[in-house]
PDB file of N, CA and C in Angstrom:
ATOM      1  N   UNK A   1     204.164  47.921  99.315  1.00  0.00           N
ATOM      2  CA  UNK A   1     204.892  48.607  98.277  1.00  0.00           C
ATOM      3  C   UNK A   1     204.091  49.826  97.840  1.00  0.00           C
ATOM      4  N   UNK A   2     204.741  50.937  97.657  1.00  0.00           N
ATOM      5  CA  UNK A   2     204.080  52.179  97.279  1.00  0.00           C
ATOM      6  C   UNK A   2     203.631  52.142  95.828  1.00  0.00           C
ATOM      7  N   UNK A   3     202.383  52.519  95.573  1.00  0.00           N
ATOM      8  CA  UNK A   3     201.901  52.686  94.208  1.00  0.00           C
ATOM      9  C   UNK A   3     202.063  54.166  93.880  1.00  0.00           C
ATOM     10  N   UNK A   4     203.120  54.494  93.168  1.00  0.00           N
ATOM     11  CA  UNK A   4     203.479  55.887  92.926  1.00  0.00           C
ATOM     12  C   UNK A   4     202.437  56.649  92.121  1.00  0.00           C
ATOM     13  N   UNK A   5     201.648  55.954  91.314  1.00  0.00           N
ATOM     14  CA  UNK A   5     200.621  56.650  90.537  1.00  0.00           C
ATOM     15  C   UNK A   5     199.401  57.009  91.369  1.00  0.00           C
ATOM     16  N   UNK A   6     199.293  56.454  92.563  1.00  0.00           N
ATOM     17  CA  UNK A   6     198.156  56.780  93.424  1.00  0.00           C
ATOM     18  C   UNK A   6     198.496  57.818  94.486  1.00  0.00           C
ATOM     19  N   UNK A   7     199.720  58.336  94.458  1.00  0.00           N
ATOM     20  CA  UNK A   7     200.068  59.426  95.369  1.00  0.00           C
ATOM     21  C   UNK A   7     199.233  60.652  95.013  1.00  0.00           C
ATOM     22  N   UNK A   8     198.930  61.511  95.961  1.00  0.00           N
ATOM     23  CA  UNK A   8     198.178  62.721  95.627  1.00  0.00           C
ATOM     24  C   UNK A   8     199.013  63.649  94.740  1.00  0.00           C
ATOM     25  N   UNK A   9     198.349  64.351  93.850  1.00  0.00           N
ATOM     26  CA  UNK A   9     199.029  65.299  92.969  1.00  0.00           C
ATOM     27  C   UNK A   9     199.563  66.481  93.761  1.00  0.00           C
ATOM     28  N   UNK A  10     198.741  66.991  94.656  1.00  0.00           N
ATOM     29  CA  UNK A  10     199.088  68.212  95.378  1.00  0.00           C
ATOM     30  C   UNK A  10     199.574  67.927  96.787  1.00  0.00           C
ATOM     31  N   UNK A  11     200.611  68.659  97.185  1.00  0.00           N
ATOM     32  CA  UNK A  11     201.119  68.635  98.551  1.00  0.00           C
ATOM     33  C   UNK A  11     200.581  69.878  99.260  1.00  0.00           C
ATOM     34  N   UNK A  12     201.045  70.113 100.454  1.00  0.00           N
ATOM     35  CA  UNK A  12     200.602  71.296 101.183  1.00  0.00           C
ATOM     36  C   UNK A  12     201.172  72.567 100.558  1.00  0.00           C
ATOM     37  N   UNK A  13     200.539  73.684 100.818  1.00  0.00           N
ATOM     38  CA  UNK A  13     200.948  75.009 100.346  1.00  0.00           C
ATOM     39  C   UNK A  13     200.992  75.104  98.818  1.00  0.00           C
ATOM     40  N   UNK A  14     200.142  74.336  98.133  1.00  0.00           N
ATOM     41  CA  UNK A  14     200.037  74.432  96.683  1.00  0.00           C
ATOM     42  C   UNK A  14     201.211  73.847  95.910  1.00  0.00           C
ATOM     43  N   UNK A  15     202.008  73.025  96.543  1.00  0.00           N
ATOM     44  CA  UNK A  15     203.146  72.402  95.870  1.00  0.00           C
ATOM     45  C   UNK A  15     202.722  71.071  95.254  1.00  0.00           C
ATOM     46  N   UNK A  16     203.403  70.695  94.164  1.00  0.00           N
ATOM     47  CA  UNK A  16     203.127  69.433  93.489  1.00  0.00           C
ATOM     48  C   UNK A  16     204.033  68.331  94.007  1.00  0.00           C
ATOM     49  N   UNK A  17     203.515  67.109  94.040  1.00  0.00           N
ATOM     50  CA  UNK A  17     204.358  65.950  94.266  1.00  0.00           C
ATOM     51  C   UNK A  17     204.932  65.536  92.911  1.00  0.00           C
ATOM     52  N   UNK A  18     206.151  65.076  92.889  1.00  0.00           N
ATOM     53  CA  UNK A  18     206.771  64.551  91.674  1.00  0.00           C
ATOM     54  C   UNK A  18     207.554  63.304  92.044  1.00  0.00           C
ATOM     55  N   UNK A  19     207.447  62.284  91.209  1.00  0.00           N
ATOM     56  CA  UNK A  19     208.178  61.031  91.427  1.00  0.00           C
ATOM     57  C   UNK A  19     209.324  60.995  90.417  1.00  0.00           C
ATOM     58  N   UNK A  20     210.546  61.009  90.906  1.00  0.00           N
ATOM     59  CA  UNK A  20     211.715  60.993  90.023  1.00  0.00           C
ATOM     60  C   UNK A  20     211.922  59.569  89.525  1.00  0.00           C
ATOM     61  N   UNK A  21     211.787  59.407  88.200  1.00  0.00           N
ATOM     62  CA  UNK A  21     211.997  58.100  87.581  1.00  0.00           C
ATOM     63  C   UNK A  21     213.473  57.894  87.233  1.00  0.00           C
ATOM     64  N   UNK A  22     214.079  58.914  86.671  1.00  0.00           N
ATOM     65  CA  UNK A  22     215.473  58.822  86.237  1.00  0.00           C
ATOM     66  C   UNK A  22     216.246  59.969  86.875  1.00  0.00           C
ATOM     67  N   UNK A  23     217.151  59.683  87.796  1.00  0.00           N
ATOM     68  CA  UNK A  23     217.899  60.750  88.463  1.00  0.00           C
ATOM     69  C   UNK A  23     218.977  61.358  87.566  1.00  0.00           C
ATOM     70  N   UNK A  24     219.279  62.613  87.829  1.00  0.00           N
ATOM     71  CA  UNK A  24     220.344  63.309  87.120  1.00  0.00           C
ATOM     72  C   UNK A  24     221.635  62.491  87.229  1.00  0.00           C
ATOM     73  N   UNK A  25     222.364  62.396  86.121  1.00  0.00           N
ATOM     74  CA  UNK A  25     223.614  61.655  86.098  1.00  0.00           C
ATOM     75  C   UNK A  25     223.459  60.195  85.700  1.00  0.00           C
ATOM     76  N   UNK A  26     222.207  59.741  85.522  1.00  0.00           N
ATOM     77  CA  UNK A  26     221.972  58.347  85.153  1.00  0.00           C
ATOM     78  C   UNK A  26     222.370  58.097  83.704  1.00  0.00           C
ATOM     79  N   UNK A  27     222.815  56.870  83.410  1.00  0.00           N
ATOM     80  CA  UNK A  27     223.191  56.464  82.059  1.00  0.00           C
ATOM     81  C   UNK A  27     222.048  55.759  81.339  1.00  0.00           C
ATOM     82  N   UNK A  28     220.936  55.526  82.041  1.00  0.00           N
ATOM     83  CA  UNK A  28     219.782  54.848  81.460  1.00  0.00           C
ATOM     84  C   UNK A  28     218.502  55.600  81.813  1.00  0.00           C
ATOM     85  N   UNK A  29     217.482  55.476  80.951  1.00  0.00           N
ATOM     86  CA  UNK A  29     216.163  56.044  81.227  1.00  0.00           C
ATOM     87  C   UNK A  29     215.329  54.958  81.873  1.00  0.00           C
ATOM     88  N   UNK A  30     214.791  55.241  83.044  1.00  0.00           N
ATOM     89  CA  UNK A  30     213.899  54.319  83.738  1.00  0.00           C
ATOM     90  C   UNK A  30     212.479  54.840  83.621  1.00  0.00           C
ATOM     91  N   UNK A  31     211.500  53.957  83.748  1.00  0.00           N
ATOM     92  CA  UNK A  31     210.109  54.392  83.799  1.00  0.00           C
ATOM     93  C   UNK A  31     209.338  53.478  84.733  1.00  0.00           C
ATOM     94  N   UNK A  32     208.309  54.051  85.340  1.00  0.00           N
ATOM     95  CA  UNK A  32     207.503  53.291  86.288  1.00  0.00           C
ATOM     96  C   UNK A  32     206.494  52.446  85.533  1.00  0.00           C
ATOM     97  N   UNK A  33     206.451  51.154  85.818  1.00  0.00           N
ATOM     98  CA  UNK A  33     205.485  50.237  85.223  1.00  0.00           C
ATOM     99  C   UNK A  33     204.356  50.036  86.236  1.00  0.00           C
ATOM    100  N   UNK A  34     203.174  50.617  85.973  1.00  0.00           N
ATOM    101  CA  UNK A  34     202.090  50.537  86.956  1.00  0.00           C
ATOM    102  C   UNK A  34     201.559  49.123  87.172  1.00  0.00           C
ATOM    103  N   UNK A  35     201.667  48.255  86.174  1.00  0.00           N
ATOM    104  CA  UNK A  35     201.182  46.880  86.345  1.00  0.00           C
ATOM    105  C   UNK A  35     202.088  46.094  87.283  1.00  0.00           C
ATOM    106  N   UNK A  36     203.401  46.246  87.110  1.00  0.00           N
ATOM    107  CA  UNK A  36     204.352  45.543  87.973  1.00  0.00           C
ATOM    108  C   UNK A  36     204.651  46.306  89.262  1.00  0.00           C
ATOM    109  N   UNK A  37     204.351  47.620  89.258  1.00  0.00           N
ATOM    110  CA  UNK A  37     204.623  48.524  90.386  1.00  0.00           C
ATOM    111  C   UNK A  37     206.118  48.581  90.712  1.00  0.00           C
ATOM    112  N   UNK A  38     206.928  48.622  89.646  1.00  0.00           N
ATOM    113  CA  UNK A  38     208.380  48.752  89.772  1.00  0.00           C
ATOM    114  C   UNK A  38     208.894  49.673  88.666  1.00  0.00           C
ATOM    115  N   UNK A  39     210.113  50.128  88.820  1.00  0.00           N
ATOM    116  CA  UNK A  39     210.768  50.905  87.779  1.00  0.00           C
ATOM    117  C   UNK A  39     211.491  49.948  86.850  1.00  0.00           C
ATOM    118  N   UNK A  40     211.333  50.141  85.535  1.00  0.00           N
ATOM    119  CA  UNK A  40     211.944  49.254  84.548  1.00  0.00           C
ATOM    120  C   UNK A  40     212.855  50.063  83.620  1.00  0.00           C
ATOM    121  N   UNK A  41     213.766  49.368  82.949  1.00  0.00           N
ATOM    122  CA  UNK A  41     214.668  50.000  81.997  1.00  0.00           C
ATOM    123  C   UNK A  41     213.900  50.368  80.740  1.00  0.00           C
ATOM    124  N   UNK A  42     213.898  51.649  80.389  1.00  0.00           N
ATOM    125  CA  UNK A  42     213.225  52.105  79.173  1.00  0.00           C
ATOM    126  C   UNK A  42     214.210  52.114  78.003  1.00  0.00           C
ATOM    127  N   UNK A  43     215.388  52.719  78.232  1.00  0.00           N
ATOM    128  CA  UNK A  43     216.411  52.721  77.187  1.00  0.00           C
ATOM    129  C   UNK A  43     217.737  53.202  77.761  1.00  0.00           C
ATOM    130  N   UNK A  44     218.836  52.672  77.248  1.00  0.00           N
ATOM    131  CA  UNK A  44     220.153  53.167  77.663  1.00  0.00           C
ATOM    132  C   UNK A  44     220.548  54.361  76.792  1.00  0.00           C
ATOM    133  N   UNK A  45     221.406  55.203  77.317  1.00  0.00           N
ATOM    134  CA  UNK A  45     221.965  56.295  76.525  1.00  0.00           C
ATOM    135  C   UNK A  45     223.251  55.813  75.850  1.00  0.00           C
ATOM    136  N   UNK A  46     223.698  56.571  74.870  1.00  0.00           N
ATOM    137  CA  UNK A  46     224.966  56.249  74.226  1.00  0.00           C
ATOM    138  C   UNK A  46     226.092  56.333  75.250  1.00  0.00           C
ATOM    139  N   UNK A  47     227.150  55.579  75.034  1.00  0.00           N
ATOM    140  CA  UNK A  47     228.290  55.550  75.960  1.00  0.00           C
ATOM    141  C   UNK A  47     228.809  56.963  76.219  1.00  0.00           C
ATOM    142  N   UNK A  48     229.008  57.274  77.479  1.00  0.00           N
ATOM    143  CA  UNK A  48     229.548  58.578  77.871  1.00  0.00           C
ATOM    144  C   UNK A  48     228.503  59.647  78.127  1.00  0.00           C
ATOM    145  N   UNK A  49     227.238  59.401  77.791  1.00  0.00           N
ATOM    146  CA  UNK A  49     226.183  60.394  77.997  1.00  0.00           C
ATOM    147  C   UNK A  49     225.431  60.113  79.289  1.00  0.00           C
ATOM    148  N   UNK A  50     224.951  61.168  79.929  1.00  0.00           N
ATOM    149  CA  UNK A  50     224.127  61.049  81.126  1.00  0.00           C
ATOM    150  C   UNK A  50     222.996  62.068  81.052  1.00  0.00           C
ATOM    151  N   UNK A  51     221.949  61.840  81.820  1.00  0.00           N
ATOM    152  CA  UNK A  51     220.858  62.806  81.889  1.00  0.00           C
ATOM    153  C   UNK A  51     221.300  63.998  82.744  1.00  0.00           C
ATOM    154  N   UNK A  52     221.137  65.228  82.208  1.00  0.00           N
ATOM    155  CA  UNK A  52     221.592  66.409  82.949  1.00  0.00           C
ATOM    156  C   UNK A  52     220.640  66.844  84.064  1.00  0.00           C
ATOM    157  N   UNK A  53     219.398  66.358  84.046  1.00  0.00           N
ATOM    158  CA  UNK A  53     218.390  66.737  85.030  1.00  0.00           C
ATOM    159  C   UNK A  53     217.658  65.492  85.518  1.00  0.00           C
ATOM    160  N   UNK A  54     216.967  65.620  86.637  1.00  0.00           N
ATOM    161  CA  UNK A  54     216.064  64.563  87.092  1.00  0.00           C
ATOM    162  C   UNK A  54     214.885  64.494  86.124  1.00  0.00           C
ATOM    163  N   UNK A  55     214.418  63.298  85.798  1.00  0.00           N
ATOM    164  CA  UNK A  55     213.257  63.096  84.941  1.00  0.00           C
ATOM    165  C   UNK A  55     212.164  62.503  85.821  1.00  0.00           C
ATOM    166  N   UNK A  56     211.003  63.167  85.890  1.00  0.00           N
ATOM    167  CA  UNK A  56     209.976  62.796  86.865  1.00  0.00           C
ATOM    168  C   UNK A  56     208.586  62.814  86.258  1.00  0.00           C
ATOM    169  N   UNK A  57     207.628  62.236  86.994  1.00  0.00           N
ATOM    170  CA  UNK A  57     206.230  62.374  86.602  1.00  0.00           C
ATOM    171  C   UNK A  57     205.424  62.897  87.781  1.00  0.00           C
ATOM    172  N   UNK A  58     204.312  63.535  87.439  1.00  0.00           N
ATOM    173  CA  UNK A  58     203.380  64.073  88.431  1.00  0.00           C
ATOM    174  C   UNK A  58     202.305  63.011  88.647  1.00  0.00           C
ATOM    175  N   UNK A  59     202.139  62.491  89.863  1.00  0.00           N
ATOM    176  CA  UNK A  59     201.125  61.452  90.101  1.00  0.00           C
ATOM    177  C   UNK A  59     199.715  61.930  89.748  1.00  0.00           C
ATOM    178  N   UNK A  60     198.931  61.013  89.210  1.00  0.00           N
ATOM    179  CA  UNK A  60     197.519  61.233  88.883  1.00  0.00           C
ATOM    180  C   UNK A  60     197.298  62.238  87.761  1.00  0.00           C
ATOM    181  N   UNK A  61     198.310  62.557  86.996  1.00  0.00           N
ATOM    182  CA  UNK A  61     198.166  63.447  85.841  1.00  0.00           C
ATOM    183  C   UNK A  61     198.427  62.628  84.601  1.00  0.00           C
ATOM    184  N   UNK A  62     197.547  62.725  83.633  1.00  0.00           N
ATOM    185  CA  UNK A  62     197.679  61.947  82.407  1.00  0.00           C
ATOM    186  C   UNK A  62     197.571  62.875  81.197  1.00  0.00           C
ATOM    187  N   UNK A  63     198.231  62.490  80.117  1.00  0.00           N
ATOM    188  CA  UNK A  63     198.163  63.255  78.876  1.00  0.00           C
ATOM    189  C   UNK A  63     197.002  62.739  78.043  1.00  0.00           C
ATOM    190  N   UNK A  64     196.818  63.301  76.859  1.00  0.00           N
ATOM    191  CA  UNK A  64     195.722  62.902  75.983  1.00  0.00           C
ATOM    192  C   UNK A  64     195.838  61.440  75.548  1.00  0.00           C
ATOM    193  N   UNK A  65     197.038  60.877  75.540  1.00  0.00           N
ATOM    194  CA  UNK A  65     197.201  59.483  75.122  1.00  0.00           C
ATOM    195  C   UNK A  65     197.197  58.536  76.325  1.00  0.00           C
ATOM    196  N   UNK A  66     196.750  59.010  77.471  1.00  0.00           N
ATOM    197  CA  UNK A  66     196.582  58.212  78.685  1.00  0.00           C
ATOM    198  C   UNK A  66     197.878  57.685  79.279  1.00  0.00           C
ATOM    199  N   UNK A  67     198.967  58.346  79.022  1.00  0.00           N
ATOM    200  CA  UNK A  67     200.203  57.980  79.707  1.00  0.00           C
ATOM    201  C   UNK A  67     200.503  59.051  80.744  1.00  0.00           C
ATOM    202  N   UNK A  68     201.317  58.734  81.694  1.00  0.00           N
ATOM    203  CA  UNK A  68     201.625  59.678  82.758  1.00  0.00           C
ATOM    204  C   UNK A  68     202.381  60.881  82.208  1.00  0.00           C
ATOM    205  N   UNK A  69     202.037  62.064  82.659  1.00  0.00           N
ATOM    206  CA  UNK A  69     202.726  63.279  82.257  1.00  0.00           C
ATOM    207  C   UNK A  69     204.130  63.280  82.860  1.00  0.00           C
ATOM    208  N   UNK A  70     205.152  63.389  82.015  1.00  0.00           N
ATOM    209  CA  UNK A  70     206.542  63.405  82.472  1.00  0.00           C
ATOM    210  C   UNK A  70     207.150  64.778  82.254  1.00  0.00           C
ATOM    211  N   UNK A  71     208.146  65.082  83.033  1.00  0.00           N
ATOM    212  CA  UNK A  71     208.804  66.374  82.941  1.00  0.00           C
ATOM    213  C   UNK A  71     210.216  66.274  83.480  1.00  0.00           C
ATOM    214  N   UNK A  72     211.106  67.130  82.950  1.00  0.00           N
ATOM    215  CA  UNK A  72     212.429  67.204  83.557  1.00  0.00           C
ATOM    216  C   UNK A  72     212.371  68.216  84.688  1.00  0.00           C
ATOM    217  N   UNK A  73     213.223  68.040  85.675  1.00  0.00           N
ATOM    218  CA  UNK A  73     213.224  68.917  86.835  1.00  0.00           C
ATOM    219  C   UNK A  73     214.609  69.510  87.009  1.00  0.00           C
ATOM    220  N   UNK A  74     214.667  70.814  87.211  1.00  0.00           N
ATOM    221  CA  UNK A  74     215.943  71.480  87.407  1.00  0.00           C
ATOM    222  C   UNK A  74     216.068  71.933  88.857  1.00  0.00           C
ATOM    223  N   UNK A  75     217.289  72.115  89.337  1.00  0.00           N
ATOM    224  CA  UNK A  75     217.464  72.527  90.727  1.00  0.00           C
ATOM    225  C   UNK A  75     217.055  73.966  90.997  1.00  0.00           C
ATOM    226  N   UNK A  76     216.878  74.750  89.958  1.00  0.00           N
ATOM    227  CA  UNK A  76     216.445  76.141  90.130  1.00  0.00           C
ATOM    228  C   UNK A  76     215.560  76.530  88.952  1.00  0.00           C
ATOM    229  N   UNK A  77     214.740  77.578  89.069  1.00  0.00           N
ATOM    230  CA  UNK A  77     213.853  77.983  87.972  1.00  0.00           C
ATOM    231  C   UNK A  77     214.666  78.332  86.707  1.00  0.00           C
ATOM    232  N   UNK A  78     214.149  77.941  85.586  1.00  0.00           N
ATOM    233  CA  UNK A  78     214.765  78.266  84.302  1.00  0.00           C
ATOM    234  C   UNK A  78     213.722  78.845  83.379  1.00  0.00           C
ATOM    235  N   UNK A  79     214.175  79.424  82.273  1.00  0.00           N
ATOM    236  CA  UNK A  79     213.250  79.942  81.272  1.00  0.00           C
ATOM    237  C   UNK A  79     212.888  78.837  80.290  1.00  0.00           C
ATOM    238  N   UNK A  80     211.632  78.850  79.862  1.00  0.00           N
ATOM    239  CA  UNK A  80     211.210  77.885  78.851  1.00  0.00           C
ATOM    240  C   UNK A  80     211.673  78.366  77.482  1.00  0.00           C
ATOM    241  N   UNK A  81     212.135  77.448  76.678  1.00  0.00           N
ATOM    242  CA  UNK A  81     212.551  77.782  75.319  1.00  0.00           C
ATOM    243  C   UNK A  81     211.350  77.699  74.407  1.00  0.00           C
ATOM    244  N   UNK A  82     211.206  78.671  73.523  1.00  0.00           N
ATOM    245  CA  UNK A  82     210.073  78.694  72.586  1.00  0.00           C
ATOM    246  C   UNK A  82     210.480  78.183  71.232  1.00  0.00           C
TER     247      UNK A  82
END
């Protein structure tokens, strides 16, 4: 079984690896549980709502609170909102 948190951060040509936890169009938020090495249900969305983008994490990257860095992913470059 693949341990997604042990995948290398960087791919060839300076590209990042990203593990999609919750795919676009999903009605629930999933998250990777490193102890069980499976994806688990984090929370459901309200009826009729779906995630508009893929929700992913970058392997081997951690935030100040020691959880995996997560990010939404879009199919094309977008501007960051300030």
